Amino acid sequence: MKAGILGKKLGMTQIFTDEGGFVPATVIEAGPCAVLKVDKNKALLGFNKKKEKNVVKPLLAIYKKLNVAPRSFVKEVAFDSLEGISSGGEVTVDIFKEKDFVDITGVSKGKGFQGGMKRWHWKGGPSGHGSMHHRRVGSIGASSFPSRVLKGQRLPGRMGNKRNTIQNIEVLKIIKDENIMLVKGSVPGANNGYLEIRAAKKKEPVKREAT
């Protein structure tokens, strides 16, 4: 199954089960997304309205031609079928149902410049007996061979603020009137961060009875 929508992370909560337990859940504002362009089996979606004064004139002319307000988050999404999806239309949260599985992509929280123990979970040096090598970098290569630092060596550096995807997240609840989707567990990024929500690649869609 191919389908998707854009959204924004609102925060986390928990849902109580009938057995008395609880499930951690992320609350996502999913859509409505304006359809800006349709090409073969893909649609260009726009989420979150943007002020016209902050849009360059050539791009603003395209939005006005579609009779759509400018959007701040625009991504291309593939669909199995574009039936009912056309330029100038909308995609809403009800393209997904409860118990569906989705892949969610977002930008992780930035941590700034971090040392190796935090960034790569190094063990660190001795903490006592006169050691002065508690959290420092150890050996990063041999002398005679290769006589250089190999590419990809794990070292201190900037951590986080990267595009991450978490796969096979279960949809717990859909609130269509409020464009809200609740999914199981956590998703990448901070509150109010933009998300791409697509049907899971590695899970078969839930079979539903014909209505």
Protein backbone atom coordinates (compact mmCIF):
# COMPACT_ATOMS: atom_id res chain seq x y z
CA MET A 1 0.00 0.00 0.00
CA LYS A 2 1.24 3.47 -0.90
CA ALA A 3 -0.32 6.52 0.74
CA GLY A 4 0.81 9.37 2.93
CA ILE A 5 0.14 12.69 4.58
CA LEU A 6 2.13 15.49 6.21
CA GLY A 7 1.73 16.56 9.80
CA LYS A 8 3.10 18.12 12.96
CA LYS A 9 4.05 16.54 16.28
CA LEU A 10 1.97 18.02 19.12
CA GLY A 11 3.31 16.01 22.06
CA MET A 12 2.93 12.72 23.92
CA THR A 13 0.22 11.21 26.09
CA GLN A 14 -0.96 7.76 27.15
CA ILE A 15 -4.01 5.67 26.34
CA PHE A 16 -5.46 3.32 28.94
CA THR A 17 -6.45 -0.19 27.88
CA ASP A 18 -9.48 -2.22 28.97
CA GLU A 19 -7.16 -4.44 31.05
CA GLY A 20 -6.00 -1.46 33.14
CA GLY A 21 -2.63 -0.98 31.48
CA PHE A 22 -1.56 1.97 29.37
CA VAL A 23 0.14 2.57 26.04
CA PRO A 24 2.42 5.58 25.38
CA ALA A 25 1.18 7.55 22.38
CA THR A 26 2.27 10.50 20.25
CA VAL A 27 -0.35 13.05 19.21
CA ILE A 28 0.05 14.24 15.61
CA GLU A 29 -1.84 16.93 13.73
CA ALA A 30 -2.10 15.20 10.34
CA GLY A 31 -3.38 17.39 7.51
CA PRO A 32 -5.43 18.65 5.92
CA CYS A 33 -2.84 18.86 3.14
CA ALA A 34 -3.37 20.84 -0.05
CA VAL A 35 -2.61 18.97 -3.28
CA LEU A 36 -0.28 21.23 -5.25
CA LYS A 37 0.61 18.91 -8.13
CA VAL A 38 -0.24 15.43 -9.42
CA ASP A 39 2.21 13.43 -11.53
CA LYS A 40 1.69 9.73 -12.45
CA ASN A 41 1.29 8.00 -9.05
CA LYS A 42 2.68 10.86 -6.93
CA ALA A 43 1.17 13.97 -5.41
CA LEU A 44 2.92 17.08 -4.12
CA LEU A 45 1.36 17.92 -0.75
CA GLY A 46 1.55 21.15 1.24
CA PHE A 47 0.92 21.47 4.98
CA ASN A 48 0.59 24.42 7.38
CA LYS A 49 -0.51 27.74 5.91
CA LYS A 50 2.10 30.44 5.41
CA LYS A 51 1.76 34.23 5.16
CA GLU A 52 1.80 35.55 1.60
CA LYS A 53 4.37 38.22 2.50
CA ASN A 54 6.89 35.45 3.25
CA VAL A 55 6.55 33.77 -0.16
CA VAL A 56 8.52 34.80 -3.26
CA LYS A 57 6.33 36.13 -6.08
CA PRO A 58 6.94 33.35 -8.67
CA LEU A 59 5.89 30.72 -6.11
CA LEU A 60 2.98 32.84 -4.90
CA ALA A 61 1.64 32.98 -8.47
CA ILE A 62 1.53 29.15 -8.56
CA TYR A 63 -0.47 29.04 -5.32
CA LYS A 64 -2.91 31.67 -6.59
CA LYS A 65 -3.41 29.75 -9.83
CA LEU A 66 -4.44 26.71 -7.76
CA ASN A 67 -6.55 28.93 -5.48
CA VAL A 68 -4.64 27.52 -2.48
CA ALA A 69 -3.06 29.39 0.44
CA PRO A 70 0.78 29.16 0.52
CA ARG A 71 2.18 26.27 2.59
CA SER A 72 5.34 26.10 4.68
CA PHE A 73 5.99 22.32 4.48
CA VAL A 74 5.89 20.72 1.03
CA LYS A 75 6.76 17.09 0.18
CA GLU A 76 6.03 14.57 -2.57
CA VAL A 77 4.12 11.43 -1.57
CA ALA A 78 3.43 8.27 -3.61
CA PHE A 79 -0.07 6.76 -3.78
CA ASP A 80 -1.39 3.42 -5.05
CA SER A 81 -4.27 5.27 -6.66
CA LEU A 82 -4.84 8.98 -7.25
CA GLU A 83 -8.60 8.52 -7.46
CA GLY A 84 -10.21 11.51 -5.75
CA ILE A 85 -6.87 13.36 -5.56
CA SER A 86 -6.40 16.31 -7.91
CA SER A 87 -4.51 19.61 -7.99
CA GLY A 88 -6.17 22.14 -5.71
CA GLY A 89 -7.86 19.41 -3.65
CA GLU A 90 -7.12 18.13 -0.15
CA VAL A 91 -5.81 14.99 1.55
CA THR A 92 -7.15 14.41 5.07
CA VAL A 93 -6.23 12.17 7.99
CA ASP A 94 -8.94 9.61 7.19
CA ILE A 95 -6.74 8.02 4.48
CA PHE A 96 -5.47 5.97 7.45
CA LYS A 97 -7.55 3.87 9.84
CA GLU A 98 -7.01 2.53 13.34
CA LYS A 99 -4.65 -0.48 13.51
CA ASP A 100 -2.88 0.58 10.31
CA PHE A 101 0.93 0.68 10.39
CA VAL A 102 2.89 3.72 9.22
CA ASP A 103 6.48 4.86 8.71
CA ILE A 104 7.12 8.31 10.20
CA THR A 105 10.00 10.57 9.14
CA GLY A 106 11.12 13.64 11.06
CA VAL A 107 14.22 15.61 12.06
CA SER A 108 15.69 14.50 15.39
CA LYS A 109 16.38 16.94 18.20
CA GLY A 110 19.75 18.69 17.86
CA LYS A 111 22.17 18.07 20.74
CA GLY A 112 25.00 20.34 19.58
CA PHE A 113 28.69 19.33 19.75
CA GLN A 114 29.04 16.27 21.99
CA GLY A 115 31.88 14.05 23.16
CA GLY A 116 32.34 10.42 22.24
CA MET A 117 30.84 9.00 25.43
CA LYS A 118 27.50 10.67 24.81
CA ARG A 119 27.53 10.51 21.01
CA TRP A 120 28.81 6.94 20.54
CA HIS A 121 28.35 5.40 24.03
CA TRP A 122 32.07 4.88 24.62
CA LYS A 123 32.97 3.24 27.92
CA GLY A 124 35.52 5.94 28.83
CA GLY A 125 38.86 5.63 30.59
CA PRO A 126 39.65 4.68 34.20
CA SER A 127 37.96 6.88 36.78
CA GLY A 128 40.62 6.52 39.52
CA HIS A 129 44.21 5.51 40.32
CA GLY A 130 45.66 8.76 39.03
CA SER A 131 44.16 8.45 35.54
CA MET A 132 43.70 11.70 33.63
CA HIS A 133 41.92 10.01 30.74
CA HIS A 134 38.32 9.86 31.96
CA ARG A 135 36.25 10.97 28.95
CA ARG A 136 38.90 11.67 26.32
CA VAL A 137 39.36 10.07 22.89
CA GLY A 138 41.62 7.01 22.90
CA SER A 139 43.55 5.54 19.97
CA ILE A 140 42.03 6.40 16.58
CA GLY A 141 44.42 4.37 14.37
CA ALA A 142 47.73 2.51 14.23
CA SER A 143 51.07 4.13 13.39
CA SER A 144 52.81 1.99 10.76
CA PHE A 145 49.59 0.87 9.09
CA PRO A 146 47.36 2.50 7.99
CA SER A 147 49.22 5.64 9.16
CA ARG A 148 46.03 7.64 8.85
CA VAL A 149 42.59 7.91 10.38
CA LEU A 150 40.14 5.72 8.47
CA LYS A 151 37.01 7.32 7.06
CA GLY A 152 33.96 6.91 9.26
CA GLN A 153 35.96 6.84 12.52
CA ARG A 154 33.61 7.60 15.40
CA LEU A 155 34.73 10.83 17.04
CA PRO A 156 33.23 13.76 18.95
CA GLY A 157 31.12 16.05 16.78
CA ARG A 158 27.70 17.48 16.11
CA MET A 159 24.93 15.19 17.35
CA GLY A 160 21.29 15.01 16.33
CA ASN A 161 19.38 17.32 13.96
CA LYS A 162 19.27 14.55 11.34
CA ARG A 163 16.44 13.14 9.26
CA ASN A 164 15.25 9.90 10.88
CA THR A 165 12.56 7.38 9.99
CA ILE A 166 10.85 5.02 12.44
CA GLN A 167 9.10 2.10 10.77
CA ASN A 168 6.00 0.04 11.57
CA ILE A 169 4.30 2.38 14.03
CA GLU A 170 0.73 1.39 14.86
CA VAL A 171 -2.08 3.92 14.49
CA LEU A 172 -4.04 3.84 17.76
CA LYS A 173 -6.76 6.39 17.06
CA ILE A 174 -8.00 8.78 14.36
CA ILE A 175 -10.02 11.90 15.27
CA LYS A 176 -11.14 13.13 11.86
CA ASP A 177 -12.98 16.28 13.01
CA GLU A 178 -9.81 17.63 14.64
CA ASN A 179 -7.30 16.19 12.11
CA ILE A 180 -5.63 14.27 14.93
CA MET A 181 -3.79 10.95 14.72
CA LEU A 182 -2.50 9.05 17.77
CA VAL A 183 0.31 6.57 17.14
CA LYS A 184 1.98 4.06 19.44
CA GLY A 185 5.28 5.12 21.01
CA SER A 186 7.54 8.04 20.15
CA VAL A 187 8.45 9.68 16.85
CA PRO A 188 11.52 11.73 15.83
CA GLY A 189 11.80 15.43 16.61
CA ALA A 190 10.61 18.07 19.03
CA ASN A 191 7.05 19.24 19.60
CA ASN A 192 5.75 21.29 16.63
CA GLY A 193 8.28 19.58 14.34
CA TYR A 194 7.07 18.57 10.87
CA LEU A 195 6.53 14.88 10.05
CA GLU A 196 6.04 12.78 6.93
CA ILE A 197 3.58 9.93 7.55
CA ARG A 198 3.52 7.14 4.97
CA ALA A 199 1.95 3.68 4.85
CA ALA A 200 4.43 1.13 6.23
CA LYS A 201 6.62 -0.49 3.56
CA LYS A 202 7.28 -3.68 5.53
CA LYS A 203 3.77 -4.38 6.83
CA GLU A 204 0.73 -5.61 4.98
CA PRO A 205 -2.25 -3.23 5.32
CA VAL A 206 -5.09 -4.35 7.57
CA LYS A 207 -7.84 -6.12 5.60
CA ARG A 208 -11.21 -4.43 5.94
CA GLU A 209 -14.66 -5.63 5.06
CA ALA A 210 -16.25 -3.92 2.07
CA THR A 211 -18.87 -1.33 3.04
